[in-house]
Amino acid sequence: LPGFLPTSLAGSRVEILASVLPTSLAGFRVEILASVLPTSLAGFRVEILASVLPTSLAGSRFEILASVLPTSLAGFRVEILASVLPTSLAGSRVEILASVLPTSLAGSRVEILASF
């Protein structure tokens, strides 16, 4: 998107350092599908470093404040599938606040695929 990521980066891998994310969200990969996002962001792979969610949070819903995320990643809703992550993460939904993104991206849904 103009002002976020240049289209020339489409399809590349973006790595987010653990220092800008809560550790409870670290450790999974998200592939953003073209069917749910503008083509300028489609195909990006985001790797979040560190650990995974504790079992006690499995299946719960929580929010990540925009202040800890790069604006290009804020506002997405991520559904974590049991087939690619430890059982303790299966079915969890992560909601990132949309306050730093244009309305056109806010609330987009991304599925984590079993291809990793």
C-alpha atoms as a PDB file:
ATOM      1  CA  LEU A   1       0.000   0.000   0.000  1.00  0.00           C
ATOM      2  CA  PRO A   2       1.265   3.486  -0.726  1.00  0.00           C
ATOM      3  CA  GLY A   3       2.710   4.801   2.497  1.00  0.00           C
ATOM      4  CA  PHE A   4       2.992   1.363   4.081  1.00  0.00           C
ATOM      5  CA  LEU A   5       4.919  -1.232   2.095  1.00  0.00           C
ATOM      6  CA  PRO A   6       6.129  -0.714  -1.472  1.00  0.00           C
ATOM      7  CA  THR A   7       4.516  -3.059  -3.975  1.00  0.00           C
ATOM      8  CA  SER A   8       8.015  -4.156  -5.004  1.00  0.00           C
ATOM      9  CA  LEU A   9       8.171  -6.066  -1.712  1.00  0.00           C
ATOM     10  CA  ALA A  10       5.115  -8.186  -2.463  1.00  0.00           C
ATOM     11  CA  GLY A  11       5.786 -11.876  -1.934  1.00  0.00           C
ATOM     12  CA  SER A  12       8.804 -11.327   0.271  1.00  0.00           C
ATOM     13  CA  ARG A  13       9.242 -12.311   3.882  1.00  0.00           C
ATOM     14  CA  VAL A  14       8.874  -9.717   6.592  1.00  0.00           C
ATOM     15  CA  GLU A  15      10.411 -10.440   9.968  1.00  0.00           C
ATOM     16  CA  ILE A  16       9.113  -8.690  13.043  1.00  0.00           C
ATOM     17  CA  LEU A  17      11.514  -8.574  15.961  1.00  0.00           C
ATOM     18  CA  ALA A  18      10.297  -9.778  19.340  1.00  0.00           C
ATOM     19  CA  SER A  19      11.114  -6.371  20.800  1.00  0.00           C
ATOM     20  CA  VAL A  20       8.098  -4.814  19.106  1.00  0.00           C
ATOM     21  CA  LEU A  21       5.598  -7.527  19.965  1.00  0.00           C
ATOM     22  CA  PRO A  22       4.227  -8.988  23.181  1.00  0.00           C
ATOM     23  CA  THR A  23       5.998 -12.307  23.720  1.00  0.00           C
ATOM     24  CA  SER A  24       2.661 -14.093  23.996  1.00  0.00           C
ATOM     25  CA  LEU A  25       2.172 -13.558  20.251  1.00  0.00           C
ATOM     26  CA  ALA A  26       5.617 -14.538  19.138  1.00  0.00           C
ATOM     27  CA  GLY A  27       6.548 -17.724  17.384  1.00  0.00           C
ATOM     28  CA  PHE A  28       4.061 -18.180  14.568  1.00  0.00           C
ATOM     29  CA  ARG A  29       4.065 -17.507  10.862  1.00  0.00           C
ATOM     30  CA  VAL A  30       1.211 -15.866   9.056  1.00  0.00           C
ATOM     31  CA  GLU A  31       0.683 -16.012   5.337  1.00  0.00           C
ATOM     32  CA  ILE A  32      -1.546 -13.212   4.107  1.00  0.00           C
ATOM     33  CA  LEU A  33      -3.856 -14.417   1.367  1.00  0.00           C
ATOM     34  CA  ALA A  34      -4.619 -12.399  -1.752  1.00  0.00           C
ATOM     35  CA  SER A  35      -8.307 -13.170  -1.361  1.00  0.00           C
ATOM     36  CA  VAL A  36      -8.629 -11.164   1.836  1.00  0.00           C
ATOM     37  CA  LEU A  37      -6.148  -8.337   1.355  1.00  0.00           C
ATOM     38  CA  PRO A  38      -5.294  -5.706  -1.237  1.00  0.00           C
ATOM     39  CA  THR A  39      -2.874  -7.140  -3.789  1.00  0.00           C
ATOM     40  CA  SER A  40      -0.092  -4.841  -2.652  1.00  0.00           C
ATOM     41  CA  LEU A  41       0.113  -6.861   0.579  1.00  0.00           C
ATOM     42  CA  ALA A  42      -0.845 -10.273  -0.760  1.00  0.00           C
ATOM     43  CA  GLY A  43       1.735 -13.028  -0.405  1.00  0.00           C
ATOM     44  CA  PHE A  44       3.654 -11.491   2.454  1.00  0.00           C
ATOM     45  CA  ARG A  45       4.893 -13.882   5.051  1.00  0.00           C
ATOM     46  CA  VAL A  46       5.261 -12.501   8.525  1.00  0.00           C
ATOM     47  CA  GLU A  47       7.500 -14.256  10.975  1.00  0.00           C
ATOM     48  CA  ILE A  48       7.030 -13.353  14.612  1.00  0.00           C
ATOM     49  CA  LEU A  49       9.907 -14.429  16.835  1.00  0.00           C
ATOM     50  CA  ALA A  50       9.882 -16.002  20.335  1.00  0.00           C
ATOM     51  CA  SER A  51       7.441 -18.176  22.260  1.00  0.00           C
ATOM     52  CA  VAL A  52       3.809 -19.190  21.891  1.00  0.00           C
ATOM     53  CA  LEU A  53       0.612 -18.593  23.794  1.00  0.00           C
ATOM     54  CA  PRO A  54       0.161 -20.397  27.095  1.00  0.00           C
ATOM     55  CA  THR A  55      -2.405 -23.179  27.157  1.00  0.00           C
ATOM     56  CA  SER A  56      -4.622 -21.129  29.438  1.00  0.00           C
ATOM     57  CA  LEU A  57      -5.287 -18.703  26.564  1.00  0.00           C
ATOM     58  CA  ALA A  58      -6.270 -21.354  24.030  1.00  0.00           C
ATOM     59  CA  GLY A  59      -9.508 -20.469  22.249  1.00  0.00           C
ATOM     60  CA  SER A  60      -9.690 -17.024  23.780  1.00  0.00           C
ATOM     61  CA  ARG A  61      -9.873 -13.641  22.136  1.00  0.00           C
ATOM     62  CA  PHE A  62      -7.544 -10.806  22.923  1.00  0.00           C
ATOM     63  CA  GLU A  63      -6.352  -7.524  21.489  1.00  0.00           C
ATOM     64  CA  ILE A  64      -2.921  -6.236  20.602  1.00  0.00           C
ATOM     65  CA  LEU A  65      -2.511  -2.513  20.928  1.00  0.00           C
ATOM     66  CA  ALA A  66      -1.486  -0.718  17.756  1.00  0.00           C
ATOM     67  CA  SER A  67       1.398   0.925  19.579  1.00  0.00           C
ATOM     68  CA  VAL A  68       3.409  -2.304  19.588  1.00  0.00           C
ATOM     69  CA  LEU A  69       2.957  -3.187  15.936  1.00  0.00           C
ATOM     70  CA  PRO A  70       4.231  -1.733  12.688  1.00  0.00           C
ATOM     71  CA  THR A  71       1.308   0.091  11.085  1.00  0.00           C
ATOM     72  CA  SER A  72       1.463  -2.159   8.026  1.00  0.00           C
ATOM     73  CA  LEU A  73       0.404  -5.148  10.160  1.00  0.00           C
ATOM     74  CA  ALA A  74      -2.144  -3.574  12.464  1.00  0.00           C
ATOM     75  CA  GLY A  75      -5.853  -4.196  12.089  1.00  0.00           C
ATOM     76  CA  PHE A  76      -5.781  -7.801  10.954  1.00  0.00           C
ATOM     77  CA  ARG A  77      -7.804 -10.595  12.455  1.00  0.00           C
ATOM     78  CA  VAL A  78      -5.943 -13.880  12.527  1.00  0.00           C
ATOM     79  CA  GLU A  79      -7.552 -17.266  12.879  1.00  0.00           C
ATOM     80  CA  ILE A  80      -5.101 -19.933  13.985  1.00  0.00           C
ATOM     81  CA  LEU A  81      -5.800 -23.407  12.640  1.00  0.00           C
ATOM     82  CA  ALA A  82      -5.127 -26.558  14.652  1.00  0.00           C
ATOM     83  CA  SER A  83      -3.326 -28.164  11.728  1.00  0.00           C
ATOM     84  CA  VAL A  84      -0.287 -25.894  11.874  1.00  0.00           C
ATOM     85  CA  LEU A  85       0.154 -24.920  15.490  1.00  0.00           C
ATOM     86  CA  PRO A  86       0.412 -26.644  18.857  1.00  0.00           C
ATOM     87  CA  THR A  87      -2.968 -27.688  20.231  1.00  0.00           C
ATOM     88  CA  SER A  88      -2.711 -24.974  22.853  1.00  0.00           C
ATOM     89  CA  LEU A  89      -3.000 -22.371  20.099  1.00  0.00           C
ATOM     90  CA  ALA A  90      -5.679 -23.984  17.992  1.00  0.00           C
ATOM     91  CA  GLY A  91      -8.759 -21.857  17.484  1.00  0.00           C
ATOM     92  CA  SER A  92      -7.324 -18.775  19.125  1.00  0.00           C
ATOM     93  CA  ARG A  93      -8.277 -15.502  17.537  1.00  0.00           C
ATOM     94  CA  VAL A  94      -5.973 -12.523  17.605  1.00  0.00           C
ATOM     95  CA  GLU A  95      -7.470  -9.124  17.034  1.00  0.00           C
ATOM     96  CA  ILE A  96      -5.184  -6.198  16.350  1.00  0.00           C
ATOM     97  CA  LEU A  97      -6.714  -2.783  16.784  1.00  0.00           C
ATOM     98  CA  ALA A  98      -7.457  -0.979  13.525  1.00  0.00           C
ATOM     99  CA  SER A  99      -6.790   2.542  14.748  1.00  0.00           C
ATOM    100  CA  VAL A 100      -3.571   2.888  12.780  1.00  0.00           C
ATOM    101  CA  LEU A 101      -4.869   1.525   9.490  1.00  0.00           C
ATOM    102  CA  PRO A 102      -7.130   2.878   6.793  1.00  0.00           C
ATOM    103  CA  THR A 103     -10.667   1.554   7.040  1.00  0.00           C
ATOM    104  CA  SER A 104     -10.111  -0.480   3.885  1.00  0.00           C
ATOM    105  CA  LEU A 105      -7.744  -2.808   5.780  1.00  0.00           C
ATOM    106  CA  ALA A 106      -9.265  -2.822   9.228  1.00  0.00           C
ATOM    107  CA  GLY A 107     -10.692  -6.140  10.336  1.00  0.00           C
ATOM    108  CA  SER A 108      -9.273  -8.163   7.453  1.00  0.00           C
ATOM    109  CA  ARG A 109      -9.148 -11.857   8.175  1.00  0.00           C
ATOM    110  CA  VAL A 110      -6.099 -14.017   7.644  1.00  0.00           C
ATOM    111  CA  GLU A 111      -5.876 -17.783   7.980  1.00  0.00           C
ATOM    112  CA  ILE A 112      -2.680 -19.547   8.904  1.00  0.00           C
ATOM    113  CA  LEU A 113      -2.180 -22.328   6.389  1.00  0.00           C
ATOM    114  CA  ALA A 114      -0.873 -25.830   6.980  1.00  0.00           C
ATOM    115  CA  SER A 115       1.844 -25.357   4.389  1.00  0.00           C
ATOM    116  CA  PHE A 116       4.613 -24.285   6.751  1.00  0.00           C
END
